[in-house]
Amino acid sequence: MSQKNLYVTGKNGKRLGGGAAQLRRIKEHGGWDAYHEELIGRVTRKVYDEVMDEMNRPVLKVVK
Protein backbone atom coordinates (compact mmCIF):
# COMPACT_ATOMS: atom_id res chain seq x y z
CA MET A 1 0.00 0.00 0.00
CA SER A 2 1.26 3.40 -0.85
CA GLN A 3 1.58 6.13 1.72
CA LYS A 4 -0.20 8.47 -0.68
CA ASN A 5 -3.50 6.59 -0.73
CA LEU A 6 -3.90 5.04 2.72
CA TYR A 7 -4.66 7.20 5.69
CA VAL A 8 -6.41 6.21 8.91
CA THR A 9 -7.11 7.92 12.20
CA GLY A 10 -5.18 6.67 15.21
CA LYS A 11 -6.43 6.25 18.79
CA ASN A 12 -5.52 9.83 19.68
CA GLY A 13 -7.22 11.29 16.59
CA LYS A 14 -4.04 11.88 14.62
CA ARG A 15 -3.90 11.04 10.92
CA LEU A 16 -1.62 8.11 10.17
CA GLY A 17 -0.08 7.27 6.80
CA GLY A 18 2.26 4.68 5.35
CA GLY A 19 3.34 1.71 7.44
CA ALA A 20 1.63 2.99 10.59
CA ALA A 21 -1.67 3.27 8.72
CA GLN A 22 -1.32 -0.23 7.29
CA LEU A 23 -0.57 -1.71 10.72
CA ARG A 24 -3.54 0.15 12.22
CA ARG A 25 -5.85 -1.15 9.44
CA ILE A 26 -4.59 -4.72 9.97
CA LYS A 27 -5.19 -4.43 13.72
CA GLU A 28 -8.74 -3.17 13.11
CA HIS A 29 -9.44 -6.27 10.96
CA GLY A 30 -8.32 -8.61 13.74
CA GLY A 31 -4.71 -9.34 12.76
CA TRP A 32 -2.76 -10.56 9.76
CA ASP A 33 -4.76 -13.73 9.17
CA ALA A 34 -8.16 -12.02 9.26
CA TYR A 35 -6.86 -9.14 7.15
CA HIS A 36 -5.48 -11.44 4.47
CA GLU A 37 -8.61 -13.60 4.49
CA GLU A 38 -10.79 -10.54 3.91
CA LEU A 39 -8.44 -9.21 1.22
CA ILE A 40 -8.32 -12.54 -0.63
CA GLY A 41 -12.11 -12.74 -0.42
CA ARG A 42 -12.49 -9.33 -2.05
CA VAL A 43 -10.01 -10.15 -4.83
CA THR A 44 -11.65 -13.51 -5.47
CA ARG A 45 -15.09 -11.92 -5.67
CA LYS A 46 -13.87 -9.28 -8.12
CA VAL A 47 -12.21 -11.86 -10.39
CA TYR A 48 -15.30 -14.09 -10.24
CA ASP A 49 -17.60 -11.20 -11.17
CA GLU A 50 -15.39 -10.23 -14.13
CA VAL A 51 -15.23 -13.81 -15.42
CA MET A 52 -19.01 -14.24 -15.10
CA ASP A 53 -19.64 -10.94 -16.91
CA GLU A 54 -17.38 -12.06 -19.75
CA MET A 55 -19.02 -15.48 -19.96
CA ASN A 56 -22.52 -13.99 -20.01
CA ARG A 57 -21.68 -11.53 -22.77
CA PRO A 58 -23.31 -12.68 -26.00
CA VAL A 59 -21.03 -13.62 -28.87
CA LEU A 60 -22.33 -11.79 -31.91
CA LYS A 61 -21.02 -12.32 -35.40
CA VAL A 62 -21.60 -10.09 -38.40
CA VAL A 63 -23.26 -12.00 -41.23
CA LYS A 64 -22.84 -10.64 -44.75
PDB file of N, CA and C in Angstrom:
ATOM      1  N   MET A   1       0.847  -1.184   0.000  1.00  0.00           N
ATOM      2  CA  MET A   1       0.000   0.000   0.000  1.00  0.00           C
ATOM      3  C   MET A   1       0.885   1.238   0.000  1.00  0.00           C
ATOM      4  N   SER A   2       0.480   2.182  -0.725  1.00  0.00           N
ATOM      5  CA  SER A   2       1.260   3.400  -0.847  1.00  0.00           C
ATOM      6  C   SER A   2       0.865   4.395   0.242  1.00  0.00           C
ATOM      7  N   GLN A   3       1.842   5.125   0.694  1.00  0.00           N
ATOM      8  CA  GLN A   3       1.581   6.127   1.717  1.00  0.00           C
ATOM      9  C   GLN A   3       0.641   7.208   1.198  1.00  0.00           C
ATOM     10  N   LYS A   4       0.610   7.403  -0.101  1.00  0.00           N
ATOM     11  CA  LYS A   4      -0.197   8.467  -0.677  1.00  0.00           C
ATOM     12  C   LYS A   4      -1.688   8.162  -0.669  1.00  0.00           C
ATOM     13  N   ASN A   5      -2.075   6.878  -0.623  1.00  0.00           N
ATOM     14  CA  ASN A   5      -3.497   6.593  -0.735  1.00  0.00           C
ATOM     15  C   ASN A   5      -4.093   5.891   0.469  1.00  0.00           C
ATOM     16  N   LEU A   6      -3.341   5.665   1.528  1.00  0.00           N
ATOM     17  CA  LEU A   6      -3.896   5.036   2.723  1.00  0.00           C
ATOM     18  C   LEU A   6      -3.651   5.922   3.924  1.00  0.00           C
ATOM     19  N   TYR A   7      -4.726   6.417   4.470  1.00  0.00           N
ATOM     20  CA  TYR A   7      -4.661   7.204   5.686  1.00  0.00           C
ATOM     21  C   TYR A   7      -5.745   6.716   6.617  1.00  0.00           C
ATOM     22  N   VAL A   8      -5.430   6.576   7.901  1.00  0.00           N
ATOM     23  CA  VAL A   8      -6.406   6.210   8.912  1.00  0.00           C
ATOM     24  C   VAL A   8      -6.216   7.123  10.109  1.00  0.00           C
ATOM     25  N   THR A   9      -7.191   7.118  10.986  1.00  0.00           N
ATOM     26  CA  THR A   9      -7.112   7.919  12.202  1.00  0.00           C
ATOM     27  C   THR A   9      -6.701   7.022  13.349  1.00  0.00           C
ATOM     28  N   GLY A  10      -5.674   7.435  14.075  1.00  0.00           N
ATOM     29  CA  GLY A  10      -5.176   6.668  15.211  1.00  0.00           C
ATOM     30  C   GLY A  10      -6.062   6.840  16.441  1.00  0.00           C
ATOM     31  N   LYS A  11      -5.671   6.182  17.533  1.00  0.00           N
ATOM     32  CA  LYS A  11      -6.428   6.246  18.789  1.00  0.00           C
ATOM     33  C   LYS A  11      -6.565   7.677  19.301  1.00  0.00           C
ATOM     34  N   ASN A  12      -5.509   8.464  19.153  1.00  0.00           N
ATOM     35  CA  ASN A  12      -5.522   9.826  19.684  1.00  0.00           C
ATOM     36  C   ASN A  12      -6.083  10.851  18.695  1.00  0.00           C
ATOM     37  N   GLY A  13      -6.617  10.390  17.566  1.00  0.00           N
ATOM     38  CA  GLY A  13      -7.221  11.286  16.594  1.00  0.00           C
ATOM     39  C   GLY A  13      -6.272  11.809  15.539  1.00  0.00           C
ATOM     40  N   LYS A  14      -4.998  11.429  15.620  1.00  0.00           N
ATOM     41  CA  LYS A  14      -4.037  11.884  14.619  1.00  0.00           C
ATOM     42  C   LYS A  14      -4.178  11.065  13.337  1.00  0.00           C
ATOM     43  N   ARG A  15      -3.848  11.691  12.230  1.00  0.00           N
ATOM     44  CA  ARG A  15      -3.905  11.043  10.920  1.00  0.00           C
ATOM     45  C   ARG A  15      -2.617  10.248  10.713  1.00  0.00           C
ATOM     46  N   LEU A  16      -2.768   8.970  10.390  1.00  0.00           N
ATOM     47  CA  LEU A  16      -1.622   8.106  10.165  1.00  0.00           C
ATOM     48  C   LEU A  16      -1.522   7.766   8.696  1.00  0.00           C
ATOM     49  N   GLY A  17      -0.309   7.655   8.189  1.00  0.00           N
ATOM     50  CA  GLY A  17      -0.080   7.275   6.802  1.00  0.00           C
ATOM     51  C   GLY A  17       1.042   6.267   6.724  1.00  0.00           C
ATOM     52  N   GLY A  18       1.168   5.610   5.587  1.00  0.00           N
ATOM     53  CA  GLY A  18       2.258   4.679   5.354  1.00  0.00           C
ATOM     54  C   GLY A  18       2.148   3.404   6.164  1.00  0.00           C
ATOM     55  N   GLY A  19       3.276   2.954   6.685  1.00  0.00           N
ATOM     56  CA  GLY A  19       3.335   1.708   7.440  1.00  0.00           C
ATOM     57  C   GLY A  19       2.483   1.736   8.696  1.00  0.00           C
ATOM     58  N   ALA A  20       2.449   2.872   9.375  1.00  0.00           N
ATOM     59  CA  ALA A  20       1.633   2.987  10.585  1.00  0.00           C
ATOM     60  C   ALA A  20       0.152   2.832  10.249  1.00  0.00           C
ATOM     61  N   ALA A  21      -0.267   3.390   9.126  1.00  0.00           N
ATOM     62  CA  ALA A  21      -1.668   3.268   8.716  1.00  0.00           C
ATOM     63  C   ALA A  21      -1.998   1.830   8.355  1.00  0.00           C
ATOM     64  N   GLN A  22      -1.080   1.167   7.671  1.00  0.00           N
ATOM     65  CA  GLN A  22      -1.317  -0.227   7.292  1.00  0.00           C
ATOM     66  C   GLN A  22      -1.407  -1.107   8.538  1.00  0.00           C
ATOM     67  N   LEU A  23      -0.510  -0.917   9.491  1.00  0.00           N
ATOM     68  CA  LEU A  23      -0.566  -1.714  10.719  1.00  0.00           C
ATOM     69  C   LEU A  23      -1.852  -1.445  11.498  1.00  0.00           C
ATOM     70  N   ARG A  24      -2.291  -0.203  11.529  1.00  0.00           N
ATOM     71  CA  ARG A  24      -3.541   0.146  12.220  1.00  0.00           C
ATOM     72  C   ARG A  24      -4.734  -0.539  11.537  1.00  0.00           C
ATOM     73  N   ARG A  25      -4.766  -0.513  10.198  1.00  0.00           N
ATOM     74  CA  ARG A  25      -5.849  -1.150   9.439  1.00  0.00           C
ATOM     75  C   ARG A  25      -5.864  -2.658   9.700  1.00  0.00           C
ATOM     76  N   ILE A  26      -4.690  -3.280   9.717  1.00  0.00           N
ATOM     77  CA  ILE A  26      -4.589  -4.718   9.974  1.00  0.00           C
ATOM     78  C   ILE A  26      -5.093  -5.036  11.382  1.00  0.00           C
ATOM     79  N   LYS A  27      -4.731  -4.218  12.345  1.00  0.00           N
ATOM     80  CA  LYS A  27      -5.188  -4.428  13.716  1.00  0.00           C
ATOM     81  C   LYS A  27      -6.701  -4.296  13.818  1.00  0.00           C
ATOM     82  N   GLU A  28      -7.282  -3.349  13.091  1.00  0.00           N
ATOM     83  CA  GLU A  28      -8.739  -3.167  13.105  1.00  0.00           C
ATOM     84  C   GLU A  28      -9.463  -4.368  12.517  1.00  0.00           C
ATOM     85  N   HIS A  29      -8.826  -5.086  11.581  1.00  0.00           N
ATOM     86  CA  HIS A  29      -9.437  -6.266  10.962  1.00  0.00           C
ATOM     87  C   HIS A  29      -9.216  -7.531  11.776  1.00  0.00           C
ATOM     88  N   GLY A  30      -8.498  -7.452  12.876  1.00  0.00           N
ATOM     89  CA  GLY A  30      -8.318  -8.608  13.737  1.00  0.00           C
ATOM     90  C   GLY A  30      -7.003  -9.340  13.555  1.00  0.00           C
ATOM     91  N   GLY A  31      -6.026  -8.725  12.923  1.00  0.00           N
ATOM     92  CA  GLY A  31      -4.712  -9.338  12.761  1.00  0.00           C
ATOM     93  C   GLY A  31      -4.432  -9.717  11.319  1.00  0.00           C
ATOM     94  N   TRP A  32      -3.216 -10.226  11.101  1.00  0.00           N
ATOM     95  CA  TRP A  32      -2.756 -10.562   9.756  1.00  0.00           C
ATOM     96  C   TRP A  32      -3.653 -11.578   9.076  1.00  0.00           C
ATOM     97  N   ASP A  33      -3.981 -12.659   9.786  1.00  0.00           N
ATOM     98  CA  ASP A  33      -4.762 -13.729   9.166  1.00  0.00           C
ATOM     99  C   ASP A  33      -6.139 -13.241   8.723  1.00  0.00           C
ATOM    100  N   ALA A  34      -6.826 -12.530   9.599  1.00  0.00           N
ATOM    101  CA  ALA A  34      -8.158 -12.023   9.262  1.00  0.00           C
ATOM    102  C   ALA A  34      -8.072 -10.988   8.138  1.00  0.00           C
ATOM    103  N   TYR A  35      -7.051 -10.157   8.179  1.00  0.00           N
ATOM    104  CA  TYR A  35      -6.864  -9.138   7.145  1.00  0.00           C
ATOM    105  C   TYR A  35      -6.646  -9.789   5.786  1.00  0.00           C
ATOM    106  N   HIS A  36      -5.757 -10.777   5.731  1.00  0.00           N
ATOM    107  CA  HIS A  36      -5.478 -11.445   4.468  1.00  0.00           C
ATOM    108  C   HIS A  36      -6.683 -12.245   3.980  1.00  0.00           C
ATOM    109  N   GLU A  37      -7.410 -12.854   4.889  1.00  0.00           N
ATOM    110  CA  GLU A  37      -8.610 -13.603   4.495  1.00  0.00           C
ATOM    111  C   GLU A  37      -9.642 -12.680   3.859  1.00  0.00           C
ATOM    112  N   GLU A  38      -9.840 -11.517   4.451  1.00  0.00           N
ATOM    113  CA  GLU A  38     -10.795 -10.541   3.912  1.00  0.00           C
ATOM    114  C   GLU A  38     -10.307 -10.003   2.567  1.00  0.00           C
ATOM    115  N   LEU A  39      -9.010  -9.723   2.458  1.00  0.00           N
ATOM    116  CA  LEU A  39      -8.436  -9.205   1.219  1.00  0.00           C
ATOM    117  C   LEU A  39      -8.549 -10.230   0.095  1.00  0.00           C
ATOM    118  N   ILE A  40      -8.218 -11.474   0.369  1.00  0.00           N
ATOM    119  CA  ILE A  40      -8.318 -12.538  -0.630  1.00  0.00           C
ATOM    120  C   ILE A  40      -9.774 -12.740  -1.036  1.00  0.00           C
ATOM    121  N   GLY A  41     -10.694 -12.621  -0.093  1.00  0.00           N
ATOM    122  CA  GLY A  41     -12.111 -12.739  -0.416  1.00  0.00           C
ATOM    123  C   GLY A  41     -12.576 -11.658  -1.379  1.00  0.00           C
ATOM    124  N   ARG A  42     -12.115 -10.422  -1.157  1.00  0.00           N
ATOM    125  CA  ARG A  42     -12.487  -9.327  -2.050  1.00  0.00           C
ATOM    126  C   ARG A  42     -11.912  -9.528  -3.444  1.00  0.00           C
ATOM    127  N   VAL A  43     -10.649  -9.932  -3.527  1.00  0.00           N
ATOM    128  CA  VAL A  43     -10.009 -10.148  -4.826  1.00  0.00           C
ATOM    129  C   VAL A  43     -10.697 -11.285  -5.566  1.00  0.00           C
ATOM    130  N   THR A  44     -10.974 -12.369  -4.858  1.00  0.00           N
ATOM    131  CA  THR A  44     -11.646 -13.514  -5.470  1.00  0.00           C
ATOM    132  C   THR A  44     -13.014 -13.125  -6.001  1.00  0.00           C
ATOM    133  N   ARG A  45     -13.770 -12.358  -5.246  1.00  0.00           N
ATOM    134  CA  ARG A  45     -15.093 -11.916  -5.666  1.00  0.00           C
ATOM    135  C   ARG A  45     -15.006 -11.055  -6.916  1.00  0.00           C
ATOM    136  N   LYS A  46     -14.025 -10.159  -6.966  1.00  0.00           N
ATOM    137  CA  LYS A  46     -13.872  -9.279  -8.121  1.00  0.00           C
ATOM    138  C   LYS A  46     -13.519 -10.088  -9.378  1.00  0.00           C
ATOM    139  N   VAL A  47     -12.597 -11.022  -9.249  1.00  0.00           N
ATOM    140  CA  VAL A  47     -12.214 -11.861 -10.392  1.00  0.00           C
ATOM    141  C   VAL A  47     -13.404 -12.697 -10.846  1.00  0.00           C
ATOM    142  N   TYR A  48     -14.129 -13.279  -9.909  1.00  0.00           N
ATOM    143  CA  TYR A  48     -15.300 -14.091 -10.237  1.00  0.00           C
ATOM    144  C   TYR A  48     -16.339 -13.266 -11.000  1.00  0.00           C
ATOM    145  N   ASP A  49     -16.618 -12.063 -10.509  1.00  0.00           N
ATOM    146  CA  ASP A  49     -17.603 -11.203 -11.172  1.00  0.00           C
ATOM    147  C   ASP A  49     -17.174 -10.854 -12.598  1.00  0.00           C
ATOM    148  N   GLU A  50     -15.879 -10.556 -12.796  1.00  0.00           N
ATOM    149  CA  GLU A  50     -15.395 -10.232 -14.135  1.00  0.00           C
ATOM    150  C   GLU A  50     -15.498 -11.429 -15.070  1.00  0.00           C
ATOM    151  N   VAL A  51     -15.153 -12.607 -14.584  1.00  0.00           N
ATOM    152  CA  VAL A  51     -15.231 -13.809 -15.416  1.00  0.00           C
ATOM    153  C   VAL A  51     -16.688 -14.098 -15.777  1.00  0.00           C
ATOM    154  N   MET A  52     -17.595 -13.977 -14.832  1.00  0.00           N
ATOM    155  CA  MET A  52     -19.010 -14.245 -15.104  1.00  0.00           C
ATOM    156  C   MET A  52     -19.583 -13.223 -16.081  1.00  0.00           C
ATOM    157  N   ASP A  53     -19.181 -11.963 -15.961  1.00  0.00           N
ATOM    158  CA  ASP A  53     -19.638 -10.942 -16.908  1.00  0.00           C
ATOM    159  C   ASP A  53     -19.168 -11.269 -18.324  1.00  0.00           C
ATOM    160  N   GLU A  54     -17.919 -11.714 -18.431  1.00  0.00           N
ATOM    161  CA  GLU A  54     -17.381 -12.058 -19.746  1.00  0.00           C
ATOM    162  C   GLU A  54     -18.072 -13.289 -20.322  1.00  0.00           C
ATOM    163  N   MET A  55     -18.359 -14.272 -19.488  1.00  0.00           N
ATOM    164  CA  MET A  55     -19.023 -15.485 -19.961  1.00  0.00           C
ATOM    165  C   MET A  55     -20.464 -15.220 -20.369  1.00  0.00           C
ATOM    166  N   ASN A  56     -21.123 -14.286 -19.722  1.00  0.00           N
ATOM    167  CA  ASN A  56     -22.520 -13.992 -20.010  1.00  0.00           C
ATOM    168  C   ASN A  56     -22.703 -13.017 -21.171  1.00  0.00           C
ATOM    169  N   ARG A  57     -21.610 -12.445 -21.652  1.00  0.00           N
ATOM    170  CA  ARG A  57     -21.678 -11.526 -22.771  1.00  0.00           C
ATOM    171  C   ARG A  57     -21.974 -12.332 -24.042  1.00  0.00           C
ATOM    172  N   PRO A  58     -22.982 -11.931 -24.790  1.00  0.00           N
ATOM    173  CA  PRO A  58     -23.314 -12.683 -25.997  1.00  0.00           C
ATOM    174  C   PRO A  58     -22.226 -12.543 -27.062  1.00  0.00           C
ATOM    175  N   VAL A  59     -22.013 -13.631 -27.777  1.00  0.00           N
ATOM    176  CA  VAL A  59     -21.032 -13.622 -28.869  1.00  0.00           C
ATOM    177  C   VAL A  59     -21.812 -13.343 -30.151  1.00  0.00           C
ATOM    178  N   LEU A  60     -21.621 -12.178 -30.703  1.00  0.00           N
ATOM    179  CA  LEU A  60     -22.327 -11.787 -31.908  1.00  0.00           C
ATOM    180  C   LEU A  60     -21.359 -11.767 -33.090  1.00  0.00           C
ATOM    181  N   LYS A  61     -21.822 -12.314 -34.201  1.00  0.00           N
ATOM    182  CA  LYS A  61     -21.018 -12.321 -35.400  1.00  0.00           C
ATOM    183  C   LYS A  61     -21.765 -11.550 -36.482  1.00  0.00           C
ATOM    184  N   VAL A  62     -21.013 -10.835 -37.301  1.00  0.00           N
ATOM    185  CA  VAL A  62     -21.596 -10.094 -38.404  1.00  0.00           C
ATOM    186  C   VAL A  62     -21.752 -11.041 -39.585  1.00  0.00           C
ATOM    187  N   VAL A  63     -22.983 -11.137 -40.092  1.00  0.00           N
ATOM    188  CA  VAL A  63     -23.261 -12.000 -41.234  1.00  0.00           C
ATOM    189  C   VAL A  63     -23.443 -11.113 -42.452  1.00  0.00           C
ATOM    190  N   LYS A  64     -22.743 -11.449 -43.532  1.00  0.00           N
ATOM    191  CA  LYS A  64     -22.844 -10.639 -44.748  1.00  0.00           C
ATOM    192  C   LYS A  64     -23.649 -11.341 -45.790  1.00  0.00           C
TER     193      LYS A  64
END
